[in-house]
PDB file of all heavy atoms in Angstrom:
ATOM      1  N   THR A   1     -21.539  72.692   5.167  1.00  0.00           N
ATOM      2  CA  THR A   1     -22.913  72.270   5.359  1.00  0.00           C
ATOM      3  C   THR A   1     -22.978  70.964   6.145  1.00  0.00           C
ATOM      4  O   THR A   1     -22.263  70.016   5.840  1.00  0.00           O
ATOM      5  CB  THR A   1     -23.624  72.088   4.016  1.00  0.00           C
ATOM      6  OG1 THR A   1     -23.581  73.314   3.283  1.00  0.00           O
ATOM      7  CG2 THR A   1     -25.080  71.688   4.232  1.00  0.00           C
ATOM      8  N   ARG A   2     -23.854  70.926   7.125  1.00  0.00           N
ATOM      9  CA  ARG A   2     -24.025  69.724   7.941  1.00  0.00           C
ATOM     10  C   ARG A   2     -25.234  68.936   7.467  1.00  0.00           C
ATOM     11  O   ARG A   2     -26.294  69.509   7.183  1.00  0.00           O
ATOM     12  CB  ARG A   2     -24.165  70.100   9.416  1.00  0.00           C
ATOM     13  CG  ARG A   2     -22.902  70.729   9.993  1.00  0.00           C
ATOM     14  CD  ARG A   2     -23.031  71.034  11.463  1.00  0.00           C
ATOM     15  NE  ARG A   2     -23.898  72.177  11.707  1.00  0.00           N
ATOM     16  CZ  ARG A   2     -24.061  72.745  12.892  1.00  0.00           C
ATOM     17  NH1 ARG A   2     -23.417  72.255  13.948  1.00  0.00           N
ATOM     18  NH2 ARG A   2     -24.866  73.781  13.034  1.00  0.00           N
ATOM     19  N   ASN A   3     -25.058  67.625   7.375  1.00  0.00           N
ATOM     20  CA  ASN A   3     -26.096  66.746   6.881  1.00  0.00           C
ATOM     21  C   ASN A   3     -26.264  65.549   7.806  1.00  0.00           C
ATOM     22  O   ASN A   3     -25.309  65.098   8.429  1.00  0.00           O
ATOM     23  CB  ASN A   3     -25.769  66.256   5.468  1.00  0.00           C
ATOM     24  CG  ASN A   3     -25.592  67.385   4.475  1.00  0.00           C
ATOM     25  OD1 ASN A   3     -24.487  67.923   4.313  1.00  0.00           O
ATOM     26  ND2 ASN A   3     -26.674  67.752   3.806  1.00  0.00           N
ATOM     27  N   TYR A   4     -27.487  65.026   7.849  1.00  0.00           N
ATOM     28  CA  TYR A   4     -27.806  63.941   8.760  1.00  0.00           C
ATOM     29  C   TYR A   4     -28.676  62.898   8.087  1.00  0.00           C
ATOM     30  O   TYR A   4     -29.482  63.205   7.209  1.00  0.00           O
ATOM     31  CB  TYR A   4     -28.547  64.476   9.993  1.00  0.00           C
ATOM     32  CG  TYR A   4     -27.795  65.542  10.737  1.00  0.00           C
ATOM     33  CD1 TYR A   4     -27.978  66.884  10.431  1.00  0.00           C
ATOM     34  CD2 TYR A   4     -26.891  65.200  11.737  1.00  0.00           C
ATOM     35  CE1 TYR A   4     -27.282  67.866  11.110  1.00  0.00           C
ATOM     36  CE2 TYR A   4     -26.193  66.182  12.419  1.00  0.00           C
ATOM     37  CZ  TYR A   4     -26.390  67.511  12.103  1.00  0.00           C
ATOM     38  OH  TYR A   4     -25.696  68.479  12.780  1.00  0.00           O
ATOM     39  N   ALA A   5     -28.491  61.656   8.510  1.00  0.00           N
ATOM     40  CA  ALA A   5     -29.405  60.613   8.092  1.00  0.00           C
ATOM     41  C   ALA A   5     -30.792  60.903   8.655  1.00  0.00           C
ATOM     42  O   ALA A   5     -30.929  61.488   9.734  1.00  0.00           O
ATOM     43  CB  ALA A   5     -28.915  59.249   8.572  1.00  0.00           C
ATOM     44  N   ASP A   6     -31.817  60.488   7.925  1.00  0.00           N
ATOM     45  CA  ASP A   6     -33.182  60.749   8.370  1.00  0.00           C
ATOM     46  C   ASP A   6     -33.452  60.187   9.762  1.00  0.00           C
ATOM     47  O   ASP A   6     -34.209  60.773  10.542  1.00  0.00           O
ATOM     48  CB  ASP A   6     -34.179  60.166   7.374  1.00  0.00           C
ATOM     49  CG  ASP A   6     -34.238  60.940   6.076  1.00  0.00           C
ATOM     50  OD1 ASP A   6     -33.801  62.107   6.055  1.00  0.00           O
ATOM     51  OD2 ASP A   6     -34.727  60.381   5.076  1.00  0.00           O
ATOM     52  N   SER A   7     -32.835  59.074  10.078  1.00  0.00           N
ATOM     53  CA  SER A   7     -33.099  58.409  11.343  1.00  0.00           C
ATOM     54  C   SER A   7     -32.598  59.190  12.556  1.00  0.00           C
ATOM     55  O   SER A   7     -33.047  58.943  13.673  1.00  0.00           O
ATOM     56  CB  SER A   7     -32.479  57.006  11.348  1.00  0.00           C
ATOM     57  OG  SER A   7     -31.073  57.071  11.190  1.00  0.00           O
ATOM     58  N   VAL A   8     -31.670  60.124  12.344  1.00  0.00           N
ATOM     59  CA  VAL A   8     -31.101  60.872  13.459  1.00  0.00           C
ATOM     60  C   VAL A   8     -31.361  62.365  13.360  1.00  0.00           C
ATOM     61  O   VAL A   8     -31.007  63.112  14.284  1.00  0.00           O
ATOM     62  CB  VAL A   8     -29.585  60.627  13.600  1.00  0.00           C
ATOM     63  CG1 VAL A   8     -29.286  59.141  13.674  1.00  0.00           C
ATOM     64  CG2 VAL A   8     -28.819  61.273  12.448  1.00  0.00           C
ATOM     65  N   LYS A   9     -31.962  62.804  12.287  1.00  0.00           N
ATOM     66  CA  LYS A   9     -32.211  64.221  12.073  1.00  0.00           C
ATOM     67  C   LYS A   9     -33.045  64.802  13.210  1.00  0.00           C
ATOM     68  O   LYS A   9     -34.065  64.242  13.600  1.00  0.00           O
ATOM     69  CB  LYS A   9     -32.904  64.432  10.731  1.00  0.00           C
ATOM     70  CG  LYS A   9     -32.964  65.873  10.264  1.00  0.00           C
ATOM     71  CD  LYS A   9     -33.524  65.969   8.845  1.00  0.00           C
ATOM     72  CE  LYS A   9     -32.647  65.222   7.851  1.00  0.00           C
ATOM     73  NZ  LYS A   9     -33.166  65.333   6.457  1.00  0.00           N
ATOM     74  N   GLY A  10     -32.587  65.928  13.730  1.00  0.00           N
ATOM     75  CA  GLY A  10     -33.265  66.567  14.840  1.00  0.00           C
ATOM     76  C   GLY A  10     -32.802  66.100  16.194  1.00  0.00           C
ATOM     77  O   GLY A  10     -33.144  66.717  17.209  1.00  0.00           O
ATOM     78  N   ARG A  11     -32.036  65.012  16.247  1.00  0.00           N
ATOM     79  CA  ARG A  11     -31.550  64.471  17.506  1.00  0.00           C
ATOM     80  C   ARG A  11     -30.033  64.544  17.639  1.00  0.00           C
ATOM     81  O   ARG A  11     -29.518  64.684  18.746  1.00  0.00           O
ATOM     82  CB  ARG A  11     -31.988  63.013  17.675  1.00  0.00           C
ATOM     83  CG  ARG A  11     -33.504  62.820  17.661  1.00  0.00           C
ATOM     84  CD  ARG A  11     -33.887  61.383  17.989  1.00  0.00           C
ATOM     85  NE  ARG A  11     -33.392  60.438  16.989  1.00  0.00           N
ATOM     86  CZ  ARG A  11     -32.516  59.465  17.246  1.00  0.00           C
ATOM     87  NH1 ARG A  11     -32.038  59.306  18.470  1.00  0.00           N
ATOM     88  NH2 ARG A  11     -32.133  58.642  16.274  1.00  0.00           N
ATOM     89  N   PHE A  12     -29.321  64.443  16.511  1.00  0.00           N
ATOM     90  CA  PHE A  12     -27.862  64.447  16.517  1.00  0.00           C
ATOM     91  C   PHE A  12     -27.346  65.755  15.941  1.00  0.00           C
ATOM     92  O   PHE A  12     -27.970  66.355  15.051  1.00  0.00           O
ATOM     93  CB  PHE A  12     -27.304  63.297  15.673  1.00  0.00           C
ATOM     94  CG  PHE A  12     -27.473  61.928  16.268  1.00  0.00           C
ATOM     95  CD1 PHE A  12     -28.330  61.693  17.329  1.00  0.00           C
ATOM     96  CD2 PHE A  12     -26.759  60.858  15.747  1.00  0.00           C
ATOM     97  CE1 PHE A  12     -28.494  60.433  17.871  1.00  0.00           C
ATOM     98  CE2 PHE A  12     -26.907  59.589  16.274  1.00  0.00           C
ATOM     99  CZ  PHE A  12     -27.769  59.368  17.333  1.00  0.00           C
ATOM    100  N   THR A  13     -26.193  66.183  16.429  1.00  0.00           N
ATOM    101  CA  THR A  13     -25.532  67.366  15.917  1.00  0.00           C
ATOM    102  C   THR A  13     -24.050  67.081  15.735  1.00  0.00           C
ATOM    103  O   THR A  13     -23.390  66.627  16.666  1.00  0.00           O
ATOM    104  CB  THR A  13     -25.707  68.575  16.855  1.00  0.00           C
ATOM    105  OG1 THR A  13     -27.101  68.833  17.063  1.00  0.00           O
ATOM    106  CG2 THR A  13     -25.060  69.816  16.249  1.00  0.00           C
ATOM    107  N   ILE A  14     -23.542  67.338  14.537  1.00  0.00           N
ATOM    108  CA  ILE A  14     -22.124  67.168  14.261  1.00  0.00           C
ATOM    109  C   ILE A  14     -21.453  68.532  14.245  1.00  0.00           C
ATOM    110  O   ILE A  14     -22.017  69.506  13.737  1.00  0.00           O
ATOM    111  CB  ILE A  14     -21.891  66.418  12.935  1.00  0.00           C
ATOM    112  CG1 ILE A  14     -20.403  66.131  12.724  1.00  0.00           C
ATOM    113  CG2 ILE A  14     -22.471  67.181  11.756  1.00  0.00           C
ATOM    114  CD1 ILE A  14     -20.123  65.210  11.533  1.00  0.00           C
ATOM    115  N   ALA A  15     -20.264  68.608  14.815  1.00  0.00           N
ATOM    116  CA  ALA A  15     -19.510  69.852  14.846  1.00  0.00           C
ATOM    117  C   ALA A  15     -18.035  69.539  14.677  1.00  0.00           C
ATOM    118  O   ALA A  15     -17.560  68.483  15.103  1.00  0.00           O
ATOM    119  CB  ALA A  15     -19.752  70.603  16.153  1.00  0.00           C
ATOM    120  N   ARG A  16     -17.316  70.454  14.070  1.00  0.00           N
ATOM    121  CA  ARG A  16     -15.888  70.222  13.847  1.00  0.00           C
ATOM    122  C   ARG A  16     -15.085  71.508  13.956  1.00  0.00           C
ATOM    123  O   ARG A  16     -15.607  72.604  13.772  1.00  0.00           O
ATOM    124  CB  ARG A  16     -15.651  69.604  12.472  1.00  0.00           C
ATOM    125  CG  ARG A  16     -15.845  70.577  11.306  1.00  0.00           C
ATOM    126  CD  ARG A  16     -15.541  69.931   9.978  1.00  0.00           C
ATOM    127  NE  ARG A  16     -15.611  70.868   8.869  1.00  0.00           N
ATOM    128  CZ  ARG A  16     -15.532  70.531   7.584  1.00  0.00           C
ATOM    129  NH1 ARG A  16     -15.397  69.251   7.253  1.00  0.00           N
ATOM    130  NH2 ARG A  16     -15.599  71.455   6.641  1.00  0.00           N
ATOM    131  N   ASP A  17     -13.821  71.341  14.265  1.00  0.00           N
ATOM    132  CA  ASP A  17     -12.842  72.400  14.144  1.00  0.00           C
ATOM    133  C   ASP A  17     -11.586  71.780  13.547  1.00  0.00           C
ATOM    134  O   ASP A  17     -11.656  70.707  12.948  1.00  0.00           O
ATOM    135  CB  ASP A  17     -12.589  73.103  15.489  1.00  0.00           C
ATOM    136  CG  ASP A  17     -12.146  72.154  16.590  1.00  0.00           C
ATOM    137  OD1 ASP A  17     -11.475  71.141  16.297  1.00  0.00           O
ATOM    138  OD2 ASP A  17     -12.478  72.434  17.763  1.00  0.00           O
ATOM    139  N   MET A  18     -10.450  72.423  13.698  1.00  0.00           N
ATOM    140  CA  MET A  18      -9.250  71.936  13.039  1.00  0.00           C
ATOM    141  C   MET A  18      -8.745  70.612  13.596  1.00  0.00           C
ATOM    142  O   MET A  18      -8.032  69.880  12.911  1.00  0.00           O
ATOM    143  CB  MET A  18      -8.138  72.979  13.134  1.00  0.00           C
ATOM    144  CG  MET A  18      -8.365  74.200  12.257  1.00  0.00           C
ATOM    145  SD  MET A  18      -8.465  73.767  10.501  1.00  0.00           S
ATOM    146  CE  MET A  18      -6.832  73.092  10.216  1.00  0.00           C
ATOM    147  N   ARG A  19      -9.108  70.283  14.830  1.00  0.00           N
ATOM    148  CA  ARG A  19      -8.563  69.083  15.458  1.00  0.00           C
ATOM    149  C   ARG A  19      -9.610  68.156  16.065  1.00  0.00           C
ATOM    150  O   ARG A  19      -9.239  67.098  16.577  1.00  0.00           O
ATOM    151  CB  ARG A  19      -7.560  69.477  16.542  1.00  0.00           C
ATOM    152  CG  ARG A  19      -6.246  69.996  15.980  1.00  0.00           C
ATOM    153  CD  ARG A  19      -5.467  68.868  15.331  1.00  0.00           C
ATOM    154  NE  ARG A  19      -4.310  69.345  14.588  1.00  0.00           N
ATOM    155  CZ  ARG A  19      -3.439  68.552  13.967  1.00  0.00           C
ATOM    156  NH1 ARG A  19      -3.581  67.244  14.022  1.00  0.00           N
ATOM    157  NH2 ARG A  19      -2.426  69.080  13.300  1.00  0.00           N
ATOM    158  N   ASN A  20     -10.863  68.511  15.996  1.00  0.00           N
ATOM    159  CA  ASN A  20     -11.893  67.706  16.635  1.00  0.00           C
ATOM    160  C   ASN A  20     -13.138  67.603  15.775  1.00  0.00           C
ATOM    161  O   ASN A  20     -13.511  68.554  15.088  1.00  0.00           O
ATOM    162  CB  ASN A  20     -12.276  68.304  17.991  1.00  0.00           C
ATOM    163  CG  ASN A  20     -11.126  68.316  18.964  1.00  0.00           C
ATOM    164  OD1 ASN A  20     -10.833  67.312  19.605  1.00  0.00           O
ATOM    165  ND2 ASN A  20     -10.470  69.467  19.073  1.00  0.00           N
ATOM    166  N   VAL A  21     -13.759  66.450  15.842  1.00  0.00           N
ATOM    167  CA  VAL A  21     -15.062  66.219  15.229  1.00  0.00           C
ATOM    168  C   VAL A  21     -15.946  65.583  16.293  1.00  0.00           C
ATOM    169  O   VAL A  21     -15.697  64.449  16.699  1.00  0.00           O
ATOM    170  CB  VAL A  21     -14.979  65.310  13.997  1.00  0.00           C
ATOM    171  CG1 VAL A  21     -16.348  65.211  13.336  1.00  0.00           C
ATOM    172  CG2 VAL A  21     -13.951  65.827  13.008  1.00  0.00           C
ATOM    173  N   ASN A  22     -16.960  66.292  16.716  1.00  0.00           N
ATOM    174  CA  ASN A  22     -17.825  65.816  17.785  1.00  0.00           C
ATOM    175  C   ASN A  22     -19.208  65.475  17.262  1.00  0.00           C
ATOM    176  O   ASN A  22     -19.686  66.062  16.289  1.00  0.00           O
ATOM    177  CB  ASN A  22     -17.949  66.866  18.888  1.00  0.00           C
ATOM    178  CG  ASN A  22     -16.636  67.144  19.574  1.00  0.00           C
ATOM    179  OD1 ASN A  22     -15.753  66.295  19.624  1.00  0.00           O
ATOM    180  ND2 ASN A  22     -16.502  68.341  20.134  1.00  0.00           N
ATOM    181  N   LEU A  23     -19.836  64.527  17.936  1.00  0.00           N
ATOM    182  CA  LEU A  23     -21.206  64.148  17.617  1.00  0.00           C
ATOM    183  C   LEU A  23     -22.009  64.175  18.903  1.00  0.00           C
ATOM    184  O   LEU A  23     -21.811  63.332  19.778  1.00  0.00           O
ATOM    185  CB  LEU A  23     -21.265  62.770  16.970  1.00  0.00           C
ATOM    186  CG  LEU A  23     -22.641  62.323  16.484  1.00  0.00           C
ATOM    187  CD1 LEU A  23     -23.088  63.177  15.292  1.00  0.00           C
ATOM    188  CD2 LEU A  23     -22.630  60.847  16.101  1.00  0.00           C
ATOM    189  N   GLN A  24     -22.902  65.144  19.008  1.00  0.00           N
ATOM    190  CA  GLN A  24     -23.801  65.240  20.148  1.00  0.00           C
ATOM    191  C   GLN A  24     -25.064  64.467  19.832  1.00  0.00           C
ATOM    192  O   GLN A  24     -25.737  64.749  18.841  1.00  0.00           O
ATOM    193  CB  GLN A  24     -24.124  66.698  20.455  1.00  0.00           C
ATOM    194  CG  GLN A  24     -25.154  66.897  21.557  1.00  0.00           C
ATOM    195  CD  GLN A  24     -24.659  66.424  22.909  1.00  0.00           C
ATOM    196  OE1 GLN A  24     -23.557  66.767  23.326  1.00  0.00           O
ATOM    197  NE2 GLN A  24     -25.471  65.624  23.587  1.00  0.00           N
ATOM    198  N   MET A  25     -25.390  63.496  20.666  1.00  0.00           N
ATOM    199  CA  MET A  25     -26.529  62.628  20.443  1.00  0.00           C
ATOM    200  C   MET A  25     -27.531  62.815  21.574  1.00  0.00           C
ATOM    201  O   MET A  25     -27.206  62.602  22.740  1.00  0.00           O
ATOM    202  CB  MET A  25     -26.092  61.166  20.355  1.00  0.00           C
ATOM    203  CG  MET A  25     -25.020  60.912  19.304  1.00  0.00           C
ATOM    204  SD  MET A  25     -24.565  59.164  19.161  1.00  0.00           S
ATOM    205  CE  MET A  25     -23.806  58.905  20.761  1.00  0.00           C
ATOM    206  N   ASN A  26     -28.731  63.205  21.213  1.00  0.00           N
ATOM    207  CA  ASN A  26     -29.802  63.410  22.170  1.00  0.00           C
ATOM    208  C   ASN A  26     -30.972  62.486  21.858  1.00  0.00           C
ATOM    209  O   ASN A  26     -31.090  61.962  20.750  1.00  0.00           O
ATOM    210  CB  ASN A  26     -30.274  64.867  22.152  1.00  0.00           C
ATOM    211  CG  ASN A  26     -29.197  65.843  22.532  1.00  0.00           C
ATOM    212  OD1 ASN A  26     -28.403  65.591  23.434  1.00  0.00           O
ATOM    213  ND2 ASN A  26     -29.167  66.988  21.846  1.00  0.00           N
ATOM    214  N   SER A  27     -31.847  62.321  22.837  1.00  0.00           N
ATOM    215  CA  SER A  27     -33.043  61.489  22.672  1.00  0.00           C
ATOM    216  C   SER A  27     -32.708  60.139  22.060  1.00  0.00           C
ATOM    217  O   SER A  27     -33.338  59.682  21.106  1.00  0.00           O
ATOM    218  CB  SER A  27     -34.078  62.228  21.812  1.00  0.00           C
ATOM    219  OG  SER A  27     -34.431  63.468  22.379  1.00  0.00           O
ATOM    220  N   LEU A  28     -31.728  59.488  22.618  1.00  0.00           N
ATOM    221  CA  LEU A  28     -31.227  58.241  22.053  1.00  0.00           C
ATOM    222  C   LEU A  28     -32.258  57.120  22.121  1.00  0.00           C
ATOM    223  O   LEU A  28     -33.034  57.024  23.076  1.00  0.00           O
ATOM    224  CB  LEU A  28     -29.947  57.819  22.764  1.00  0.00           C
ATOM    225  CG  LEU A  28     -28.711  58.623  22.354  1.00  0.00           C
ATOM    226  CD1 LEU A  28     -27.593  58.461  23.369  1.00  0.00           C
ATOM    227  CD2 LEU A  28     -28.243  58.188  20.966  1.00  0.00           C
ATOM    228  N   LYS A  29     -32.240  56.287  21.097  1.00  0.00           N
ATOM    229  CA  LYS A  29     -33.142  55.159  20.968  1.00  0.00           C
ATOM    230  C   LYS A  29     -32.340  53.866  20.907  1.00  0.00           C
ATOM    231  O   LYS A  29     -31.170  53.878  20.532  1.00  0.00           O
ATOM    232  CB  LYS A  29     -33.984  55.292  19.694  1.00  0.00           C
ATOM    233  CG  LYS A  29     -34.759  56.595  19.571  1.00  0.00           C
ATOM    234  CD  LYS A  29     -35.441  56.689  18.216  1.00  0.00           C
ATOM    235  CE  LYS A  29     -36.204  57.984  18.066  1.00  0.00           C
ATOM    236  NZ  LYS A  29     -36.862  58.080  16.728  1.00  0.00           N
ATOM    237  N   PRO A  30     -32.961  52.739  21.243  1.00  0.00           N
ATOM    238  CA  PRO A  30     -32.240  51.464  21.154  1.00  0.00           C
ATOM    239  C   PRO A  30     -31.664  51.203  19.765  1.00  0.00           C
ATOM    240  O   PRO A  30     -30.586  50.595  19.660  1.00  0.00           O
ATOM    241  CB  PRO A  30     -33.310  50.429  21.519  1.00  0.00           C
ATOM    242  CG  PRO A  30     -34.234  51.169  22.428  1.00  0.00           C
ATOM    243  CD  PRO A  30     -34.287  52.570  21.877  1.00  0.00           C
ATOM    244  N   GLU A  31     -32.340  51.645  18.720  1.00  0.00           N
ATOM    245  CA  GLU A  31     -31.836  51.429  17.376  1.00  0.00           C
ATOM    246  C   GLU A  31     -30.609  52.265  17.043  1.00  0.00           C
ATOM    247  O   GLU A  31     -30.006  52.082  15.980  1.00  0.00           O
ATOM    248  CB  GLU A  31     -32.934  51.680  16.330  1.00  0.00           C
ATOM    249  CG  GLU A  31     -33.645  53.012  16.500  1.00  0.00           C
ATOM    250  CD  GLU A  31     -34.956  52.875  17.262  1.00  0.00           C
ATOM    251  OE1 GLU A  31     -34.981  52.143  18.271  1.00  0.00           O
ATOM    252  OE2 GLU A  31     -35.952  53.487  16.840  1.00  0.00           O
ATOM    253  N   ASP A  32     -30.231  53.173  17.926  1.00  0.00           N
ATOM    254  CA  ASP A  32     -28.988  53.910  17.756  1.00  0.00           C
ATOM    255  C   ASP A  32     -27.772  53.104  18.201  1.00  0.00           C
ATOM    256  O   ASP A  32     -26.637  53.552  18.016  1.00  0.00           O
ATOM    257  CB  ASP A  32     -29.025  55.222  18.542  1.00  0.00           C
ATOM    258  CG  ASP A  32     -30.063  56.193  18.004  1.00  0.00           C
ATOM    259  OD1 ASP A  32     -30.201  56.307  16.771  1.00  0.00           O
ATOM    260  OD2 ASP A  32     -30.735  56.854  18.831  1.00  0.00           O
ATOM    261  N   THR A  33     -28.000  51.956  18.784  1.00  0.00           N
ATOM    262  CA  THR A  33     -26.915  51.110  19.262  1.00  0.00           C
ATOM    263  C   THR A  33     -26.010  50.663  18.121  1.00  0.00           C
ATOM    264  O   THR A  33     -26.480  50.281  17.049  1.00  0.00           O
ATOM    265  CB  THR A  33     -27.476  49.884  19.986  1.00  0.00           C
ATOM    266  OG1 THR A  33     -28.172  50.306  21.168  1.00  0.00           O
ATOM    267  CG2 THR A  33     -26.369  48.925  20.384  1.00  0.00           C
ATOM    268  N   GLY A  34     -24.718  50.719  18.350  1.00  0.00           N
ATOM    269  CA  GLY A  34     -23.763  50.278  17.356  1.00  0.00           C
ATOM    270  C   GLY A  34     -22.387  50.825  17.648  1.00  0.00           C
ATOM    271  O   GLY A  34     -22.174  51.537  18.626  1.00  0.00           O
ATOM    272  N   VAL A  35     -21.458  50.476  16.792  1.00  0.00           N
ATOM    273  CA  VAL A  35     -20.111  51.020  16.869  1.00  0.00           C
ATOM    274  C   VAL A  35     -20.041  52.247  15.975  1.00  0.00           C
ATOM    275  O   VAL A  35     -20.365  52.175  14.788  1.00  0.00           O
ATOM    276  CB  VAL A  35     -19.048  49.989  16.448  1.00  0.00           C
ATOM    277  CG1 VAL A  35     -17.652  50.596  16.527  1.00  0.00           C
ATOM    278  CG2 VAL A  35     -19.132  48.741  17.322  1.00  0.00           C
ATOM    279  N   TYR A  36     -19.621  53.345  16.544  1.00  0.00           N
ATOM    280  CA  TYR A  36     -19.546  54.604  15.818  1.00  0.00           C
ATOM    281  C   TYR A  36     -18.109  54.883  15.398  1.00  0.00           C
ATOM    282  O   TYR A  36     -17.184  54.774  16.210  1.00  0.00           O
ATOM    283  CB  TYR A  36     -20.075  55.746  16.680  1.00  0.00           C
ATOM    284  CG  TYR A  36     -21.581  55.760  16.783  1.00  0.00           C
ATOM    285  CD1 TYR A  36     -22.254  54.779  17.493  1.00  0.00           C
ATOM    286  CD2 TYR A  36     -22.327  56.748  16.148  1.00  0.00           C
ATOM    287  CE1 TYR A  36     -23.630  54.780  17.576  1.00  0.00           C
ATOM    288  CE2 TYR A  36     -23.708  56.761  16.233  1.00  0.00           C
ATOM    289  CZ  TYR A  36     -24.357  55.771  16.949  1.00  0.00           C
ATOM    290  OH  TYR A  36     -25.736  55.790  17.034  1.00  0.00           O
ATOM    291  N   TYR A  37     -17.947  55.262  14.134  1.00  0.00           N
ATOM    292  CA  TYR A  37     -16.635  55.514  13.562  1.00  0.00           C
ATOM    293  C   TYR A  37     -16.544  56.938  13.038  1.00  0.00           C
ATOM    294  O   TYR A  37     -17.413  57.380  12.281  1.00  0.00           O
ATOM    295  CB  TYR A  37     -16.341  54.557  12.410  1.00  0.00           C
ATOM    296  CG  TYR A  37     -16.261  53.105  12.793  1.00  0.00           C
ATOM    297  CD1 TYR A  37     -17.389  52.292  12.769  1.00  0.00           C
ATOM    298  CD2 TYR A  37     -15.046  52.534  13.166  1.00  0.00           C
ATOM    299  CE1 TYR A  37     -17.319  50.955  13.114  1.00  0.00           C
ATOM    300  CE2 TYR A  37     -14.970  51.197  13.507  1.00  0.00           C
ATOM    301  CZ  TYR A  37     -16.108  50.413  13.482  1.00  0.00           C
ATOM    302  OH  TYR A  37     -16.034  49.083  13.815  1.00  0.00           O
ATOM    303  N   CYS A  38     -15.493  57.609  13.403  1.00  0.00           N
ATOM    304  CA  CYS A  38     -15.182  58.922  12.870  1.00  0.00           C
ATOM    305  C   CYS A  38     -14.364  58.764  11.594  1.00  0.00           C
ATOM    306  O   CYS A  38     -13.493  57.895  11.507  1.00  0.00           O
ATOM    307  CB  CYS A  38     -14.411  59.727  13.914  1.00  0.00           C
ATOM    308  SG  CYS A  38     -13.855  61.352  13.370  1.00  0.00           S
ATOM    309  N   ASN A  39     -14.651  59.591  10.620  1.00  0.00           N
ATOM    310  CA  ASN A  39     -13.924  59.578   9.351  1.00  0.00           C
ATOM    311  C   ASN A  39     -13.600  61.002   8.936  1.00  0.00           C
ATOM    312  O   ASN A  39     -14.444  61.892   9.019  1.00  0.00           O
ATOM    313  CB  ASN A  39     -14.754  58.889   8.265  1.00  0.00           C
ATOM    314  CG  ASN A  39     -14.201  59.105   6.871  1.00  0.00           C
ATOM    315  OD1 ASN A  39     -14.517  60.095   6.210  1.00  0.00           O
ATOM    316  ND2 ASN A  39     -13.375  58.171   6.414  1.00  0.00           N
ATOM    317  N   VAL A  40     -12.374  61.198   8.469  1.00  0.00           N
ATOM    318  CA  VAL A  40     -11.937  62.496   7.979  1.00  0.00           C
ATOM    319  C   VAL A  40     -11.288  62.316   6.617  1.00  0.00           C
ATOM    320  O   VAL A  40     -10.425  61.452   6.448  1.00  0.00           O
ATOM    321  CB  VAL A  40     -10.944  63.166   8.953  1.00  0.00           C
ATOM    322  CG1 VAL A  40     -10.404  64.459   8.354  1.00  0.00           C
ATOM    323  CG2 VAL A  40     -11.622  63.451  10.283  1.00  0.00           C
ATOM    324  N   ARG A  41     -11.697  63.114   5.664  1.00  0.00           N
ATOM    325  CA  ARG A  41     -11.116  63.076   4.327  1.00  0.00           C
ATOM    326  C   ARG A  41     -10.195  64.261   4.136  1.00  0.00           C
ATOM    327  O   ARG A  41     -10.594  65.419   4.308  1.00  0.00           O
ATOM    328  CB  ARG A  41     -12.220  63.073   3.267  1.00  0.00           C
ATOM    329  CG  ARG A  41     -11.699  63.064   1.832  1.00  0.00           C
ATOM    330  CD  ARG A  41     -12.821  62.782   0.862  1.00  0.00           C
ATOM    331  NE  ARG A  41     -13.350  61.440   1.049  1.00  0.00           N
ATOM    332  CZ  ARG A  41     -14.431  60.954   0.430  1.00  0.00           C
ATOM    333  NH1 ARG A  41     -15.102  61.737  -0.403  1.00  0.00           N
ATOM    334  NH2 ARG A  41     -14.829  59.725   0.656  1.00  0.00           N
ATOM    335  N   SER A  42      -8.951  63.979   3.753  1.00  0.00           N
ATOM    336  CA  SER A  42      -7.957  65.021   3.572  1.00  0.00           C
ATOM    337  C   SER A  42      -8.149  65.716   2.233  1.00  0.00           C
ATOM    338  O   SER A  42      -8.899  65.266   1.370  1.00  0.00           O
ATOM    339  CB  SER A  42      -6.548  64.436   3.668  1.00  0.00           C
ATOM    340  OG  SER A  42      -6.280  63.589   2.575  1.00  0.00           O
ATOM    341  N   VAL A  43      -7.423  66.810   2.052  1.00  0.00           N
ATOM    342  CA  VAL A  43      -7.520  67.569   0.808  1.00  0.00           C
ATOM    343  C   VAL A  43      -7.014  66.773  -0.381  1.00  0.00           C
ATOM    344  O   VAL A  43      -7.393  67.060  -1.521  1.00  0.00           O
ATOM    345  CB  VAL A  43      -6.768  68.906   0.916  1.00  0.00           C
ATOM    346  CG1 VAL A  43      -7.437  69.811   1.938  1.00  0.00           C
ATOM    347  CG2 VAL A  43      -5.302  68.683   1.280  1.00  0.00           C
ATOM    348  N   ASP A  44      -6.164  65.769  -0.154  1.00  0.00           N
ATOM    349  CA  ASP A  44      -5.701  64.898  -1.228  1.00  0.00           C
ATOM    350  C   ASP A  44      -6.524  63.613  -1.306  1.00  0.00           C
ATOM    351  O   ASP A  44      -6.077  62.608  -1.852  1.00  0.00           O
ATOM    352  CB  ASP A  44      -4.217  64.574  -1.076  1.00  0.00           C
ATOM    353  CG  ASP A  44      -3.860  63.995   0.277  1.00  0.00           C
ATOM    354  OD1 ASP A  44      -4.672  64.114   1.215  1.00  0.00           O
ATOM    355  OD2 ASP A  44      -2.758  63.436   0.406  1.00  0.00           O
ATOM    356  N   ASN A  45      -7.722  63.636  -0.745  1.00  0.00           N
ATOM    357  CA  ASN A  45      -8.710  62.565  -0.853  1.00  0.00           C
ATOM    358  C   ASN A  45      -8.286  61.255  -0.197  1.00  0.00           C
ATOM    359  O   ASN A  45      -8.623  60.168  -0.674  1.00  0.00           O
ATOM    360  CB  ASN A  45      -9.084  62.319  -2.315  1.00  0.00           C
ATOM    361  CG  ASN A  45      -9.827  63.481  -2.930  1.00  0.00           C
ATOM    362  OD1 ASN A  45     -10.663  64.110  -2.282  1.00  0.00           O
ATOM    363  ND2 ASN A  45      -9.530  63.778  -4.189  1.00  0.00           N
ATOM    364  N   VAL A  46      -7.566  61.348   0.892  1.00  0.00           N
ATOM    365  CA  VAL A  46      -7.235  60.186   1.696  1.00  0.00           C
ATOM    366  C   VAL A  46      -8.161  60.149   2.904  1.00  0.00           C
ATOM    367  O   VAL A  46      -8.318  61.155   3.599  1.00  0.00           O
ATOM    368  CB  VAL A  46      -5.768  60.207   2.157  1.00  0.00           C
ATOM    369  CG1 VAL A  46      -5.478  59.042   3.089  1.00  0.00           C
ATOM    370  CG2 VAL A  46      -4.843  60.167   0.954  1.00  0.00           C
TER     371      VAL A  46
END
């Protein structure tokens, strides 16, 4: 299941496969400015 913060809902799309996690960002606003970090949680919770 894909989930989004209210501030980006309808504008951002997250997608993943075994080796990639992508974030498609559309209709960008100045408040979207920032450093973006990817995070992956392993099956052993690391």
